[in-house]
Amino acid sequence: MPTIVLTRLADLRAGDVILSLDGRRYRTPLRVTDALGPIAPGSPVHGVRLEPPNPASGIEWVFYPSQMDGHRLEVERPAPLHYHYPEQYY
């Protein structure tokens, strides 16, 4: 998978995998489950939800722009799927 460097949480997408923060690699890479948005319905607080590295812990992982923007995130982004529509062949 291609890797990119991002410095804004708004650029993360669901499915991205965060490999490192400011050059320090995560032992267990963090998978983005929800792109930047309200952390709860109707909440004014925005964040990026992550899959917890230890699901049994019950701890929710959320990155907030005020804490993370400006830091270098090395991210693995899945390649987009290419769909072919039948009308392309006529």
C-alpha atoms as a PDB file:
ATOM      1  CA  MET A   1       0.000   0.000   0.000  1.00  0.00           C
ATOM      2  CA  PRO A   2       1.242   3.500  -0.704  1.00  0.00           C
ATOM      3  CA  THR A   3       2.225   5.652   2.270  1.00  0.00           C
ATOM      4  CA  ILE A   4       1.631   9.373   2.544  1.00  0.00           C
ATOM      5  CA  VAL A   5       2.437  12.003   5.172  1.00  0.00           C
ATOM      6  CA  LEU A   6      -0.413  14.126   6.524  1.00  0.00           C
ATOM      7  CA  THR A   7      -0.382  16.999   8.999  1.00  0.00           C
ATOM      8  CA  ARG A   8      -4.144  17.585   9.344  1.00  0.00           C
ATOM      9  CA  LEU A   9      -6.726  15.185  10.732  1.00  0.00           C
ATOM     10  CA  ALA A  10      -9.239  16.476   8.171  1.00  0.00           C
ATOM     11  CA  ASP A  11      -7.184  14.670   5.489  1.00  0.00           C
ATOM     12  CA  LEU A  12      -7.660  11.227   7.070  1.00  0.00           C
ATOM     13  CA  ARG A  13     -10.236   8.835   5.606  1.00  0.00           C
ATOM     14  CA  ALA A  14     -11.959   5.791   7.037  1.00  0.00           C
ATOM     15  CA  GLY A  15      -9.753   2.781   6.313  1.00  0.00           C
ATOM     16  CA  ASP A  16      -6.461   4.702   6.526  1.00  0.00           C
ATOM     17  CA  VAL A  17      -3.823   3.117   8.750  1.00  0.00           C
ATOM     18  CA  ILE A  18      -1.614   5.425  10.855  1.00  0.00           C
ATOM     19  CA  LEU A  19       1.887   3.937  11.007  1.00  0.00           C
ATOM     20  CA  SER A  20       3.755   6.661  12.898  1.00  0.00           C
ATOM     21  CA  LEU A  21       3.432  10.021  14.644  1.00  0.00           C
ATOM     22  CA  ASP A  22       6.306  12.498  14.186  1.00  0.00           C
ATOM     23  CA  GLY A  23       8.586   9.660  13.035  1.00  0.00           C
ATOM     24  CA  ARG A  24       7.830   7.367  15.988  1.00  0.00           C
ATOM     25  CA  ARG A  25       6.247   4.142  14.740  1.00  0.00           C
ATOM     26  CA  TYR A  26       3.275   2.635  16.514  1.00  0.00           C
ATOM     27  CA  ARG A  27       3.810  -0.948  17.686  1.00  0.00           C
ATOM     28  CA  THR A  28       0.268  -1.674  16.501  1.00  0.00           C
ATOM     29  CA  PRO A  29      -0.746   0.598  13.605  1.00  0.00           C
ATOM     30  CA  LEU A  30      -3.976   2.523  14.186  1.00  0.00           C
ATOM     31  CA  ARG A  31      -6.852   2.062  11.708  1.00  0.00           C
ATOM     32  CA  VAL A  32      -9.210   5.008  11.142  1.00  0.00           C
ATOM     33  CA  THR A  33     -12.827   3.919  11.586  1.00  0.00           C
ATOM     34  CA  ASP A  34     -14.495   7.339  11.145  1.00  0.00           C
ATOM     35  CA  ALA A  35     -13.107  10.412   9.395  1.00  0.00           C
ATOM     36  CA  LEU A  36     -13.210  13.817  11.122  1.00  0.00           C
ATOM     37  CA  GLY A  37     -16.702  14.537  12.389  1.00  0.00           C
ATOM     38  CA  PRO A  38     -18.770  14.971  15.550  1.00  0.00           C
ATOM     39  CA  ILE A  39     -17.711  12.451  18.198  1.00  0.00           C
ATOM     40  CA  ALA A  40     -21.387  11.875  19.068  1.00  0.00           C
ATOM     41  CA  PRO A  41     -24.631  12.857  17.307  1.00  0.00           C
ATOM     42  CA  GLY A  42     -25.210  16.581  17.826  1.00  0.00           C
ATOM     43  CA  SER A  43     -21.858  17.115  19.571  1.00  0.00           C
ATOM     44  CA  PRO A  44     -19.942  20.305  18.782  1.00  0.00           C
ATOM     45  CA  VAL A  45     -16.686  18.398  19.454  1.00  0.00           C
ATOM     46  CA  HIS A  46     -15.044  16.895  16.349  1.00  0.00           C
ATOM     47  CA  GLY A  47     -12.539  14.080  16.231  1.00  0.00           C
ATOM     48  CA  VAL A  48     -11.241  11.094  14.257  1.00  0.00           C
ATOM     49  CA  ARG A  49     -12.242   7.707  15.673  1.00  0.00           C
ATOM     50  CA  LEU A  50      -9.697   4.909  15.617  1.00  0.00           C
ATOM     51  CA  GLU A  51      -9.887   1.157  16.066  1.00  0.00           C
ATOM     52  CA  PRO A  52      -8.406   0.471  19.520  1.00  0.00           C
ATOM     53  CA  PRO A  53      -5.135  -1.492  19.376  1.00  0.00           C
ATOM     54  CA  ASN A  54      -6.458  -3.659  22.221  1.00  0.00           C
ATOM     55  CA  PRO A  55     -10.218  -4.123  21.669  1.00  0.00           C
ATOM     56  CA  ALA A  56     -10.608  -5.956  25.000  1.00  0.00           C
ATOM     57  CA  SER A  57      -9.605  -2.793  26.912  1.00  0.00           C
ATOM     58  CA  GLY A  58     -12.897  -1.007  26.183  1.00  0.00           C
ATOM     59  CA  ILE A  59     -11.032   2.308  25.731  1.00  0.00           C
ATOM     60  CA  GLU A  60     -12.210   4.476  22.832  1.00  0.00           C
ATOM     61  CA  TRP A  61      -9.458   6.031  20.718  1.00  0.00           C
ATOM     62  CA  VAL A  62     -10.191   9.499  19.311  1.00  0.00           C
ATOM     63  CA  PHE A  63      -7.718  12.035  17.912  1.00  0.00           C
ATOM     64  CA  TYR A  64      -8.710  15.711  18.159  1.00  0.00           C
ATOM     65  CA  PRO A  65      -7.548  18.415  15.712  1.00  0.00           C
ATOM     66  CA  SER A  66      -6.416  20.744  18.519  1.00  0.00           C
ATOM     67  CA  GLN A  67      -3.954  18.086  19.707  1.00  0.00           C
ATOM     68  CA  MET A  68      -2.892  16.482  16.421  1.00  0.00           C
ATOM     69  CA  ASP A  69      -2.932  19.096  13.631  1.00  0.00           C
ATOM     70  CA  GLY A  70       0.613  20.087  12.753  1.00  0.00           C
ATOM     71  CA  HIS A  71       2.095  16.714  13.709  1.00  0.00           C
ATOM     72  CA  ARG A  72       3.412  14.411  10.969  1.00  0.00           C
ATOM     73  CA  LEU A  73       1.293  11.298  10.507  1.00  0.00           C
ATOM     74  CA  GLU A  74       2.675   8.569   8.242  1.00  0.00           C
ATOM     75  CA  VAL A  75      -0.402   6.923   6.765  1.00  0.00           C
ATOM     76  CA  GLU A  76      -1.011   3.862   4.632  1.00  0.00           C
ATOM     77  CA  ARG A  77      -3.977   4.495   2.361  1.00  0.00           C
ATOM     78  CA  PRO A  78      -5.702   1.625   0.565  1.00  0.00           C
ATOM     79  CA  ALA A  79      -5.753   2.024  -3.207  1.00  0.00           C
ATOM     80  CA  PRO A  80      -9.185   3.046  -4.530  1.00  0.00           C
ATOM     81  CA  LEU A  81     -11.290   0.356  -6.158  1.00  0.00           C
ATOM     82  CA  HIS A  82     -11.906   0.817  -9.851  1.00  0.00           C
ATOM     83  CA  TYR A  83     -15.369  -0.109 -11.011  1.00  0.00           C
ATOM     84  CA  HIS A  84     -16.154  -0.803 -14.632  1.00  0.00           C
ATOM     85  CA  TYR A  85     -19.635  -0.076 -15.819  1.00  0.00           C
ATOM     86  CA  PRO A  86     -21.069  -2.108 -18.730  1.00  0.00           C
ATOM     87  CA  GLU A  87     -21.891   1.062 -20.702  1.00  0.00           C
ATOM     88  CA  GLN A  88     -18.145   1.779 -20.918  1.00  0.00           C
ATOM     89  CA  TYR A  89     -17.784  -1.127 -23.324  1.00  0.00           C
ATOM     90  CA  TYR A  90     -20.412  -0.070 -25.890  1.00  0.00           C
END
